[in-house]
């Protein structure tokens, strides 16, 4: 059975689930999942877990994600991206200095209203399913984290395209971010392009394989320890490793140097990922045991 992770470069026009389907066919494995959905419009990094390591996906989903986005300002669509229908046009006049002036409002912890066309659920149904039926649900603003925001260029004309780079936390909608930035300048915006460059340190340009060329997937397969390298790691001896494989709870011991209240890797003396644990005070408990 194949076990590991692939960083797949998704092309425009297909879903993240379609990427999973392609990986299933290429590898012959049935148990496959992905860490973080990309809209059909978007391209770039989709991290795919193969085999029993699908249990580790949640630790990747919590990692910061980096995007390069292009948005057309002055034009609003019902999906906040180019796949939607235009609902309003109003010319906007501004320059990059105006964007820089409002930038700090969108760095750090901010509140964001999720778009209707999203995978969030309301009473058991996805919002995008309701949106297709013309149903609009009141959504509460959610707190998200923007680590970095950099404006790269502003185009010409009454409906200029703005290209920006953003590093953000879990649950951030880049298309909502673009529209919110436009709103501070008195207008609206929608995404025309979006590329995810990385999830944590899993960089698509360095580690990725294109979804259209999966024949060489074995050479790109990452071990669980490599894929979760952004988590702190604790190496243990053979005796402790044996206890870890049974999900033993540790008080003090060799786990005491692990970060508190954060998941960390437990690594055997052969370099293999044995488990992910979390330490609370002097007690470390297993989150996922692989060995």
C-alpha atoms as a PDB file:
ATOM      1  CA  UNK A   1       0.000   0.000   0.000  1.00  0.00           C
ATOM      2  CA  UNK A   2       1.289   3.454  -0.945  1.00  0.00           C
ATOM      3  CA  UNK A   3       1.533   5.935   1.913  1.00  0.00           C
ATOM      4  CA  UNK A   4       2.654   9.540   1.623  1.00  0.00           C
ATOM      5  CA  UNK A   5       1.862  12.988   0.290  1.00  0.00           C
ATOM      6  CA  UNK A   6       1.930  14.701  -3.089  1.00  0.00           C
ATOM      7  CA  UNK A   7       1.960  18.444  -3.737  1.00  0.00           C
ATOM      8  CA  UNK A   8      -0.147  18.603  -6.886  1.00  0.00           C
ATOM      9  CA  UNK A   9      -0.183  21.660  -9.152  1.00  0.00           C
ATOM     10  CA  UNK A  10      -3.873  22.048 -10.010  1.00  0.00           C
ATOM     11  CA  UNK A  11      -4.714  23.603 -13.388  1.00  0.00           C
ATOM     12  CA  UNK A  12      -7.523  26.096 -13.841  1.00  0.00           C
ATOM     13  CA  UNK A  13     -10.982  24.724 -14.519  1.00  0.00           C
ATOM     14  CA  UNK A  14     -11.074  21.575 -12.375  1.00  0.00           C
ATOM     15  CA  UNK A  15     -12.015  21.020  -8.747  1.00  0.00           C
ATOM     16  CA  UNK A  16      -9.786  19.845  -5.925  1.00  0.00           C
ATOM     17  CA  UNK A  17     -11.879  16.665  -5.793  1.00  0.00           C
ATOM     18  CA  UNK A  18     -11.038  16.074  -9.451  1.00  0.00           C
ATOM     19  CA  UNK A  19      -7.357  16.255  -8.474  1.00  0.00           C
ATOM     20  CA  UNK A  20      -8.003  13.576  -5.858  1.00  0.00           C
ATOM     21  CA  UNK A  21      -9.655  11.423  -8.524  1.00  0.00           C
ATOM     22  CA  UNK A  22      -6.656  11.758 -10.814  1.00  0.00           C
ATOM     23  CA  UNK A  23      -4.299  10.767  -8.001  1.00  0.00           C
ATOM     24  CA  UNK A  24      -6.444   7.719  -7.238  1.00  0.00           C
ATOM     25  CA  UNK A  25      -6.237   6.596 -10.854  1.00  0.00           C
ATOM     26  CA  UNK A  26      -2.500   7.265 -11.137  1.00  0.00           C
ATOM     27  CA  UNK A  27      -1.560   5.502  -7.902  1.00  0.00           C
ATOM     28  CA  UNK A  28      -4.203   2.789  -7.814  1.00  0.00           C
ATOM     29  CA  UNK A  29      -5.005   3.736  -4.218  1.00  0.00           C
ATOM     30  CA  UNK A  30      -8.561   4.273  -3.035  1.00  0.00           C
ATOM     31  CA  UNK A  31      -7.912   6.106   0.234  1.00  0.00           C
ATOM     32  CA  UNK A  32      -6.913   9.603  -0.891  1.00  0.00           C
ATOM     33  CA  UNK A  33      -7.798  13.053   0.477  1.00  0.00           C
ATOM     34  CA  UNK A  34      -6.701  16.656   0.103  1.00  0.00           C
ATOM     35  CA  UNK A  35      -5.749  19.410   2.560  1.00  0.00           C
ATOM     36  CA  UNK A  36      -7.610  22.562   1.596  1.00  0.00           C
ATOM     37  CA  UNK A  37      -9.993  23.189  -1.298  1.00  0.00           C
ATOM     38  CA  UNK A  38      -9.099  25.370  -4.275  1.00  0.00           C
ATOM     39  CA  UNK A  39     -11.904  26.806  -6.411  1.00  0.00           C
ATOM     40  CA  UNK A  40     -12.001  25.734 -10.081  1.00  0.00           C
ATOM     41  CA  UNK A  41     -10.756  29.214 -11.062  1.00  0.00           C
ATOM     42  CA  UNK A  42      -7.607  28.800  -8.970  1.00  0.00           C
ATOM     43  CA  UNK A  43      -4.363  27.014  -9.769  1.00  0.00           C
ATOM     44  CA  UNK A  44      -1.484  25.771  -7.660  1.00  0.00           C
ATOM     45  CA  UNK A  45      -0.817  23.729  -4.560  1.00  0.00           C
ATOM     46  CA  UNK A  46      -3.249  21.009  -3.547  1.00  0.00           C
ATOM     47  CA  UNK A  47      -1.606  18.740  -0.968  1.00  0.00           C
ATOM     48  CA  UNK A  48      -2.911  15.207  -1.390  1.00  0.00           C
ATOM     49  CA  UNK A  49      -2.599  12.495   1.259  1.00  0.00           C
ATOM     50  CA  UNK A  50      -2.461   8.867   0.141  1.00  0.00           C
ATOM     51  CA  UNK A  51      -3.273   5.880   2.342  1.00  0.00           C
ATOM     52  CA  UNK A  52      -3.578   5.912   6.105  1.00  0.00           C
ATOM     53  CA  UNK A  53      -1.851   9.304   6.371  1.00  0.00           C
ATOM     54  CA  UNK A  54      -5.155  10.949   5.432  1.00  0.00           C
ATOM     55  CA  UNK A  55      -5.542  11.146   9.221  1.00  0.00           C
ATOM     56  CA  UNK A  56      -2.777  13.759   9.214  1.00  0.00           C
ATOM     57  CA  UNK A  57      -4.538  16.154   6.838  1.00  0.00           C
ATOM     58  CA  UNK A  58      -5.868  18.363   9.625  1.00  0.00           C
ATOM     59  CA  UNK A  59      -2.342  19.299  10.711  1.00  0.00           C
ATOM     60  CA  UNK A  60      -1.608  20.583   7.207  1.00  0.00           C
ATOM     61  CA  UNK A  61      -4.876  22.495   6.967  1.00  0.00           C
ATOM     62  CA  UNK A  62      -3.811  24.593   9.942  1.00  0.00           C
ATOM     63  CA  UNK A  63      -0.627  25.805   8.205  1.00  0.00           C
ATOM     64  CA  UNK A  64      -0.400  29.296   6.618  1.00  0.00           C
ATOM     65  CA  UNK A  65      -1.069  29.454   2.885  1.00  0.00           C
ATOM     66  CA  UNK A  66       0.527  31.796   0.355  1.00  0.00           C
ATOM     67  CA  UNK A  67      -1.288  33.075  -2.733  1.00  0.00           C
ATOM     68  CA  UNK A  68      -0.727  35.410  -5.651  1.00  0.00           C
ATOM     69  CA  UNK A  69      -4.023  36.920  -6.765  1.00  0.00           C
ATOM     70  CA  UNK A  70      -5.282  39.284  -9.439  1.00  0.00           C
ATOM     71  CA  UNK A  71      -8.573  41.128  -8.933  1.00  0.00           C
ATOM     72  CA  UNK A  72     -10.513  43.470 -11.192  1.00  0.00           C
ATOM     73  CA  UNK A  73     -11.629  46.493  -9.225  1.00  0.00           C
ATOM     74  CA  UNK A  74     -14.860  48.300 -10.034  1.00  0.00           C
ATOM     75  CA  UNK A  75     -16.675  45.161 -11.206  1.00  0.00           C
ATOM     76  CA  UNK A  76     -18.681  42.960  -8.841  1.00  0.00           C
ATOM     77  CA  UNK A  77     -19.858  39.386  -9.522  1.00  0.00           C
ATOM     78  CA  UNK A  78     -22.258  37.186  -7.602  1.00  0.00           C
ATOM     79  CA  UNK A  79     -19.456  34.760  -6.719  1.00  0.00           C
ATOM     80  CA  UNK A  80     -16.703  37.363  -6.139  1.00  0.00           C
ATOM     81  CA  UNK A  81     -14.684  35.709  -8.910  1.00  0.00           C
ATOM     82  CA  UNK A  82     -14.594  35.545 -12.701  1.00  0.00           C
ATOM     83  CA  UNK A  83     -16.756  32.403 -12.791  1.00  0.00           C
ATOM     84  CA  UNK A  84     -19.788  34.401 -11.614  1.00  0.00           C
ATOM     85  CA  UNK A  85     -22.225  36.779 -13.277  1.00  0.00           C
ATOM     86  CA  UNK A  86     -21.473  40.500 -13.259  1.00  0.00           C
ATOM     87  CA  UNK A  87     -23.927  42.273 -10.959  1.00  0.00           C
ATOM     88  CA  UNK A  88     -22.502  45.803 -10.878  1.00  0.00           C
ATOM     89  CA  UNK A  89     -19.962  48.070 -12.560  1.00  0.00           C
ATOM     90  CA  UNK A  90     -18.669  51.369 -11.213  1.00  0.00           C
ATOM     91  CA  UNK A  91     -15.372  52.855 -12.455  1.00  0.00           C
ATOM     92  CA  UNK A  92     -12.704  53.309  -9.792  1.00  0.00           C
ATOM     93  CA  UNK A  93      -9.744  55.635  -9.741  1.00  0.00           C
ATOM     94  CA  UNK A  94      -6.849  54.940  -7.368  1.00  0.00           C
ATOM     95  CA  UNK A  95      -3.163  54.066  -7.388  1.00  0.00           C
ATOM     96  CA  UNK A  96      -0.865  51.757  -5.459  1.00  0.00           C
ATOM     97  CA  UNK A  97      -0.252  54.471  -2.859  1.00  0.00           C
ATOM     98  CA  UNK A  98      -3.970  54.393  -2.018  1.00  0.00           C
ATOM     99  CA  UNK A  99      -3.773  50.626  -1.570  1.00  0.00           C
ATOM    100  CA  UNK A 100      -0.731  50.931   0.664  1.00  0.00           C
ATOM    101  CA  UNK A 101      -2.605  53.455   2.778  1.00  0.00           C
ATOM    102  CA  UNK A 102      -5.330  50.933   3.634  1.00  0.00           C
ATOM    103  CA  UNK A 103      -3.081  47.855   3.753  1.00  0.00           C
ATOM    104  CA  UNK A 104      -2.622  47.807   7.516  1.00  0.00           C
ATOM    105  CA  UNK A 105      -6.372  47.413   7.998  1.00  0.00           C
ATOM    106  CA  UNK A 106      -6.067  43.967   6.424  1.00  0.00           C
ATOM    107  CA  UNK A 107      -2.987  42.608   8.202  1.00  0.00           C
ATOM    108  CA  UNK A 108      -3.242  40.704  11.476  1.00  0.00           C
ATOM    109  CA  UNK A 109      -6.519  39.414  12.879  1.00  0.00           C
ATOM    110  CA  UNK A 110      -9.414  40.661  10.756  1.00  0.00           C
ATOM    111  CA  UNK A 111     -13.088  39.815  10.443  1.00  0.00           C
ATOM    112  CA  UNK A 112     -14.414  38.478   7.173  1.00  0.00           C
ATOM    113  CA  UNK A 113     -17.889  37.473   5.997  1.00  0.00           C
ATOM    114  CA  UNK A 114     -17.646  34.190   4.038  1.00  0.00           C
ATOM    115  CA  UNK A 115     -19.055  34.351   0.485  1.00  0.00           C
ATOM    116  CA  UNK A 116     -22.309  32.579  -0.324  1.00  0.00           C
ATOM    117  CA  UNK A 117     -20.502  30.505  -2.927  1.00  0.00           C
ATOM    118  CA  UNK A 118     -18.399  28.538  -0.445  1.00  0.00           C
ATOM    119  CA  UNK A 119     -18.209  25.044   1.018  1.00  0.00           C
ATOM    120  CA  UNK A 120     -19.433  26.123   4.448  1.00  0.00           C
ATOM    121  CA  UNK A 121     -22.550  24.357   5.652  1.00  0.00           C
ATOM    122  CA  UNK A 122     -25.917  25.715   6.776  1.00  0.00           C
ATOM    123  CA  UNK A 123     -28.298  23.167   8.306  1.00  0.00           C
ATOM    124  CA  UNK A 124     -26.412  20.340   6.613  1.00  0.00           C
ATOM    125  CA  UNK A 125     -26.186  21.882   3.147  1.00  0.00           C
ATOM    126  CA  UNK A 126     -23.262  23.607   1.454  1.00  0.00           C
ATOM    127  CA  UNK A 127     -23.717  27.330   0.924  1.00  0.00           C
ATOM    128  CA  UNK A 128     -22.847  27.020  -2.754  1.00  0.00           C
ATOM    129  CA  UNK A 129     -25.745  24.572  -3.181  1.00  0.00           C
ATOM    130  CA  UNK A 130     -28.137  27.093  -1.677  1.00  0.00           C
ATOM    131  CA  UNK A 131     -26.646  29.891  -3.783  1.00  0.00           C
ATOM    132  CA  UNK A 132     -27.384  27.928  -6.953  1.00  0.00           C
ATOM    133  CA  UNK A 133     -31.036  27.885  -5.896  1.00  0.00           C
ATOM    134  CA  UNK A 134     -31.022  31.643  -5.366  1.00  0.00           C
ATOM    135  CA  UNK A 135     -31.104  31.322  -1.583  1.00  0.00           C
ATOM    136  CA  UNK A 136     -29.025  33.807   0.410  1.00  0.00           C
ATOM    137  CA  UNK A 137     -28.219  33.008   4.042  1.00  0.00           C
ATOM    138  CA  UNK A 138     -27.120  35.586   6.587  1.00  0.00           C
ATOM    139  CA  UNK A 139     -23.479  34.796   7.414  1.00  0.00           C
ATOM    140  CA  UNK A 140     -21.656  35.883  10.518  1.00  0.00           C
ATOM    141  CA  UNK A 141     -18.245  37.500  10.161  1.00  0.00           C
ATOM    142  CA  UNK A 142     -15.424  35.186  11.179  1.00  0.00           C
ATOM    143  CA  UNK A 143     -11.991  36.040  12.501  1.00  0.00           C
ATOM    144  CA  UNK A 144      -9.133  35.126  10.179  1.00  0.00           C
ATOM    145  CA  UNK A 145      -5.411  35.806  10.213  1.00  0.00           C
ATOM    146  CA  UNK A 146      -3.545  37.712   7.502  1.00  0.00           C
ATOM    147  CA  UNK A 147       0.193  37.296   8.063  1.00  0.00           C
ATOM    148  CA  UNK A 148       1.461  39.242   5.048  1.00  0.00           C
ATOM    149  CA  UNK A 149      -0.131  41.391   2.335  1.00  0.00           C
ATOM    150  CA  UNK A 150       1.834  42.964  -0.507  1.00  0.00           C
ATOM    151  CA  UNK A 151       0.430  44.870  -3.489  1.00  0.00           C
ATOM    152  CA  UNK A 152       2.498  44.196  -6.593  1.00  0.00           C
ATOM    153  CA  UNK A 153       0.840  46.183  -9.396  1.00  0.00           C
ATOM    154  CA  UNK A 154      -2.165  48.279 -10.421  1.00  0.00           C
ATOM    155  CA  UNK A 155      -3.367  48.305 -14.023  1.00  0.00           C
ATOM    156  CA  UNK A 156      -4.735  51.173 -16.079  1.00  0.00           C
ATOM    157  CA  UNK A 157      -8.270  52.099 -17.032  1.00  0.00           C
ATOM    158  CA  UNK A 158     -11.562  52.585 -15.190  1.00  0.00           C
ATOM    159  CA  UNK A 159     -11.619  48.950 -14.038  1.00  0.00           C
ATOM    160  CA  UNK A 160      -7.981  48.315 -13.092  1.00  0.00           C
ATOM    161  CA  UNK A 161      -6.586  44.898 -12.279  1.00  0.00           C
ATOM    162  CA  UNK A 162      -4.665  44.697  -8.993  1.00  0.00           C
ATOM    163  CA  UNK A 163      -2.134  41.943  -8.353  1.00  0.00           C
ATOM    164  CA  UNK A 164      -1.258  41.154  -4.752  1.00  0.00           C
ATOM    165  CA  UNK A 165       0.467  38.493  -2.656  1.00  0.00           C
ATOM    166  CA  UNK A 166      -1.038  37.291   0.608  1.00  0.00           C
ATOM    167  CA  UNK A 167      -0.002  34.834   3.318  1.00  0.00           C
ATOM    168  CA  UNK A 168      -3.024  33.921   5.393  1.00  0.00           C
ATOM    169  CA  UNK A 169      -4.363  31.496   7.948  1.00  0.00           C
ATOM    170  CA  UNK A 170      -6.997  28.796   7.825  1.00  0.00           C
ATOM    171  CA  UNK A 171     -10.468  29.823   6.648  1.00  0.00           C
ATOM    172  CA  UNK A 172      -9.462  32.959   4.750  1.00  0.00           C
ATOM    173  CA  UNK A 173     -11.280  33.698   1.482  1.00  0.00           C
ATOM    174  CA  UNK A 174      -8.973  35.639  -0.836  1.00  0.00           C
ATOM    175  CA  UNK A 175     -11.877  36.727  -3.061  1.00  0.00           C
ATOM    176  CA  UNK A 176     -13.618  38.242  -0.030  1.00  0.00           C
ATOM    177  CA  UNK A 177     -10.356  39.938   0.921  1.00  0.00           C
ATOM    178  CA  UNK A 178     -10.103  41.545  -2.538  1.00  0.00           C
ATOM    179  CA  UNK A 179     -13.691  42.808  -2.375  1.00  0.00           C
ATOM    180  CA  UNK A 180     -13.212  44.124   1.166  1.00  0.00           C
ATOM    181  CA  UNK A 181     -10.092  46.032   0.106  1.00  0.00           C
ATOM    182  CA  UNK A 182     -12.005  47.533  -2.813  1.00  0.00           C
ATOM    183  CA  UNK A 183     -14.830  48.523  -0.464  1.00  0.00           C
ATOM    184  CA  UNK A 184     -12.435  50.655   1.612  1.00  0.00           C
ATOM    185  CA  UNK A 185     -11.702  52.580  -1.611  1.00  0.00           C
ATOM    186  CA  UNK A 186     -15.392  53.064  -2.325  1.00  0.00           C
ATOM    187  CA  UNK A 187     -15.982  50.231  -4.780  1.00  0.00           C
ATOM    188  CA  UNK A 188     -16.024  46.475  -5.301  1.00  0.00           C
ATOM    189  CA  UNK A 189     -13.838  43.796  -6.887  1.00  0.00           C
ATOM    190  CA  UNK A 190     -13.735  40.196  -8.048  1.00  0.00           C
ATOM    191  CA  UNK A 191     -10.865  37.758  -8.559  1.00  0.00           C
ATOM    192  CA  UNK A 192      -9.735  37.036 -12.111  1.00  0.00           C
ATOM    193  CA  UNK A 193      -6.753  34.841 -11.185  1.00  0.00           C
ATOM    194  CA  UNK A 194      -5.599  33.017  -8.063  1.00  0.00           C
ATOM    195  CA  UNK A 195      -2.589  30.778  -7.548  1.00  0.00           C
ATOM    196  CA  UNK A 196      -1.704  29.021  -4.302  1.00  0.00           C
ATOM    197  CA  UNK A 197       2.057  28.891  -3.983  1.00  0.00           C
ATOM    198  CA  UNK A 198       2.385  26.858  -0.816  1.00  0.00           C
ATOM    199  CA  UNK A 199       0.759  25.324   2.231  1.00  0.00           C
ATOM    200  CA  UNK A 200       3.185  25.765   5.103  1.00  0.00           C
ATOM    201  CA  UNK A 201       6.580  25.015   3.573  1.00  0.00           C
ATOM    202  CA  UNK A 202       5.141  22.673   0.919  1.00  0.00           C
ATOM    203  CA  UNK A 203       5.979  24.837  -2.089  1.00  0.00           C
ATOM    204  CA  UNK A 204       4.341  23.838  -5.363  1.00  0.00           C
ATOM    205  CA  UNK A 205       7.126  25.192  -7.574  1.00  0.00           C
ATOM    206  CA  UNK A 206       9.797  23.257  -5.659  1.00  0.00           C
ATOM    207  CA  UNK A 207       7.970  20.071  -4.690  1.00  0.00           C
ATOM    208  CA  UNK A 208       4.953  19.914  -6.955  1.00  0.00           C
ATOM    209  CA  UNK A 209       3.852  17.650  -9.787  1.00  0.00           C
ATOM    210  CA  UNK A 210       1.315  18.876 -12.339  1.00  0.00           C
ATOM    211  CA  UNK A 211      -2.105  17.230 -12.285  1.00  0.00           C
ATOM    212  CA  UNK A 212      -1.830  16.625 -16.030  1.00  0.00           C
ATOM    213  CA  UNK A 213       1.473  14.762 -15.654  1.00  0.00           C
ATOM    214  CA  UNK A 214       1.122  12.359 -12.753  1.00  0.00           C
ATOM    215  CA  UNK A 215       3.033   9.492 -14.372  1.00  0.00           C
ATOM    216  CA  UNK A 216       6.143  10.291 -12.336  1.00  0.00           C
ATOM    217  CA  UNK A 217       4.322  10.614  -9.020  1.00  0.00           C
ATOM    218  CA  UNK A 218       6.590   8.159  -7.174  1.00  0.00           C
ATOM    219  CA  UNK A 219       9.578  10.493  -7.497  1.00  0.00           C
ATOM    220  CA  UNK A 220       7.556  13.298  -5.891  1.00  0.00           C
ATOM    221  CA  UNK A 221       6.069  11.313  -3.000  1.00  0.00           C
ATOM    222  CA  UNK A 222       6.813  12.871   0.384  1.00  0.00           C
ATOM    223  CA  UNK A 223       7.033  10.852   3.570  1.00  0.00           C
ATOM    224  CA  UNK A 224       4.714  11.799   6.440  1.00  0.00           C
ATOM    225  CA  UNK A 225       7.699  13.213   8.309  1.00  0.00           C
ATOM    226  CA  UNK A 226       8.633  15.419   5.335  1.00  0.00           C
ATOM    227  CA  UNK A 227       5.074  16.602   4.782  1.00  0.00           C
ATOM    228  CA  UNK A 228       4.628  17.617   8.429  1.00  0.00           C
ATOM    229  CA  UNK A 229       8.063  19.219   8.761  1.00  0.00           C
ATOM    230  CA  UNK A 230       6.491  22.525   9.851  1.00  0.00           C
ATOM    231  CA  UNK A 231       5.514  20.893  13.134  1.00  0.00           C
ATOM    232  CA  UNK A 232       8.114  20.749  15.882  1.00  0.00           C
ATOM    233  CA  UNK A 233       9.752  17.330  16.180  1.00  0.00           C
ATOM    234  CA  UNK A 234      10.866  15.213  19.131  1.00  0.00           C
ATOM    235  CA  UNK A 235      13.136  12.225  18.482  1.00  0.00           C
ATOM    236  CA  UNK A 236      12.720   9.285  20.829  1.00  0.00           C
ATOM    237  CA  UNK A 237      14.698   6.154  21.620  1.00  0.00           C
ATOM    238  CA  UNK A 238      13.555   2.607  20.863  1.00  0.00           C
ATOM    239  CA  UNK A 239      11.963   2.063  24.268  1.00  0.00           C
ATOM    240  CA  UNK A 240       9.912   5.257  24.095  1.00  0.00           C
ATOM    241  CA  UNK A 241       9.046   4.548  20.453  1.00  0.00           C
ATOM    242  CA  UNK A 242       7.520   1.223  21.461  1.00  0.00           C
ATOM    243  CA  UNK A 243       5.298   3.007  23.979  1.00  0.00           C
ATOM    244  CA  UNK A 244       4.333   5.635  21.411  1.00  0.00           C
ATOM    245  CA  UNK A 245       3.072   2.956  19.021  1.00  0.00           C
ATOM    246  CA  UNK A 246       0.494   2.053  21.679  1.00  0.00           C
ATOM    247  CA  UNK A 247      -0.592   5.664  22.129  1.00  0.00           C
ATOM    248  CA  UNK A 248       0.888   5.879  25.607  1.00  0.00           C
ATOM    249  CA  UNK A 249       0.314   9.092  27.536  1.00  0.00           C
ATOM    250  CA  UNK A 250       3.564  10.590  28.828  1.00  0.00           C
ATOM    251  CA  UNK A 251       4.017  12.722  31.921  1.00  0.00           C
ATOM    252  CA  UNK A 252       7.265  14.685  31.849  1.00  0.00           C
ATOM    253  CA  UNK A 253       9.874  12.407  30.256  1.00  0.00           C
ATOM    254  CA  UNK A 254      11.411  13.041  26.844  1.00  0.00           C
ATOM    255  CA  UNK A 255       8.325  14.938  25.668  1.00  0.00           C
ATOM    256  CA  UNK A 256       8.837  17.803  28.135  1.00  0.00           C
ATOM    257  CA  UNK A 257      10.787  19.869  25.586  1.00  0.00           C
ATOM    258  CA  UNK A 258       7.927  19.824  23.061  1.00  0.00           C
ATOM    259  CA  UNK A 259       5.956  23.040  22.504  1.00  0.00           C
ATOM    260  CA  UNK A 260       2.928  23.408  24.744  1.00  0.00           C
ATOM    261  CA  UNK A 261      -0.638  23.287  23.385  1.00  0.00           C
ATOM    262  CA  UNK A 262       0.575  22.623  19.831  1.00  0.00           C
ATOM    263  CA  UNK A 263       0.800  19.378  17.874  1.00  0.00           C
ATOM    264  CA  UNK A 264       4.314  18.007  17.423  1.00  0.00           C
ATOM    265  CA  UNK A 265       5.916  15.099  15.583  1.00  0.00           C
ATOM    266  CA  UNK A 266       7.264  12.080  17.447  1.00  0.00           C
ATOM    267  CA  UNK A 267      10.098  10.610  15.367  1.00  0.00           C
ATOM    268  CA  UNK A 268      11.792   7.255  15.789  1.00  0.00           C
ATOM    269  CA  UNK A 269      15.558   6.727  15.682  1.00  0.00           C
ATOM    270  CA  UNK A 270      15.173   5.626  12.038  1.00  0.00           C
ATOM    271  CA  UNK A 271      13.730   9.029  11.071  1.00  0.00           C
ATOM    272  CA  UNK A 272      10.213   7.680  10.654  1.00  0.00           C
ATOM    273  CA  UNK A 273       7.155   9.599  11.870  1.00  0.00           C
ATOM    274  CA  UNK A 274       5.576   7.499  14.605  1.00  0.00           C
ATOM    275  CA  UNK A 275       2.819   9.796  15.806  1.00  0.00           C
ATOM    276  CA  UNK A 276       1.597  13.322  16.363  1.00  0.00           C
ATOM    277  CA  UNK A 277       1.216  14.299  20.017  1.00  0.00           C
ATOM    278  CA  UNK A 278       0.118  17.439  21.868  1.00  0.00           C
ATOM    279  CA  UNK A 279       1.532  18.508  25.242  1.00  0.00           C
ATOM    280  CA  UNK A 280      -0.649  20.237  27.837  1.00  0.00           C
ATOM    281  CA  UNK A 281       1.402  21.169  30.886  1.00  0.00           C
ATOM    282  CA  UNK A 282       3.615  18.189  31.676  1.00  0.00           C
ATOM    283  CA  UNK A 283       1.302  15.672  29.994  1.00  0.00           C
ATOM    284  CA  UNK A 284       1.653  14.641  26.333  1.00  0.00           C
ATOM    285  CA  UNK A 285      -1.205  12.777  24.623  1.00  0.00           C
ATOM    286  CA  UNK A 286      -1.438  11.126  21.229  1.00  0.00           C
ATOM    287  CA  UNK A 287      -3.453  12.850  18.496  1.00  0.00           C
ATOM    288  CA  UNK A 288      -2.677  10.359  15.716  1.00  0.00           C
ATOM    289  CA  UNK A 289      -0.550   7.210  15.931  1.00  0.00           C
ATOM    290  CA  UNK A 290       0.878   5.896  12.668  1.00  0.00           C
ATOM    291  CA  UNK A 291       3.247   3.154  13.787  1.00  0.00           C
END
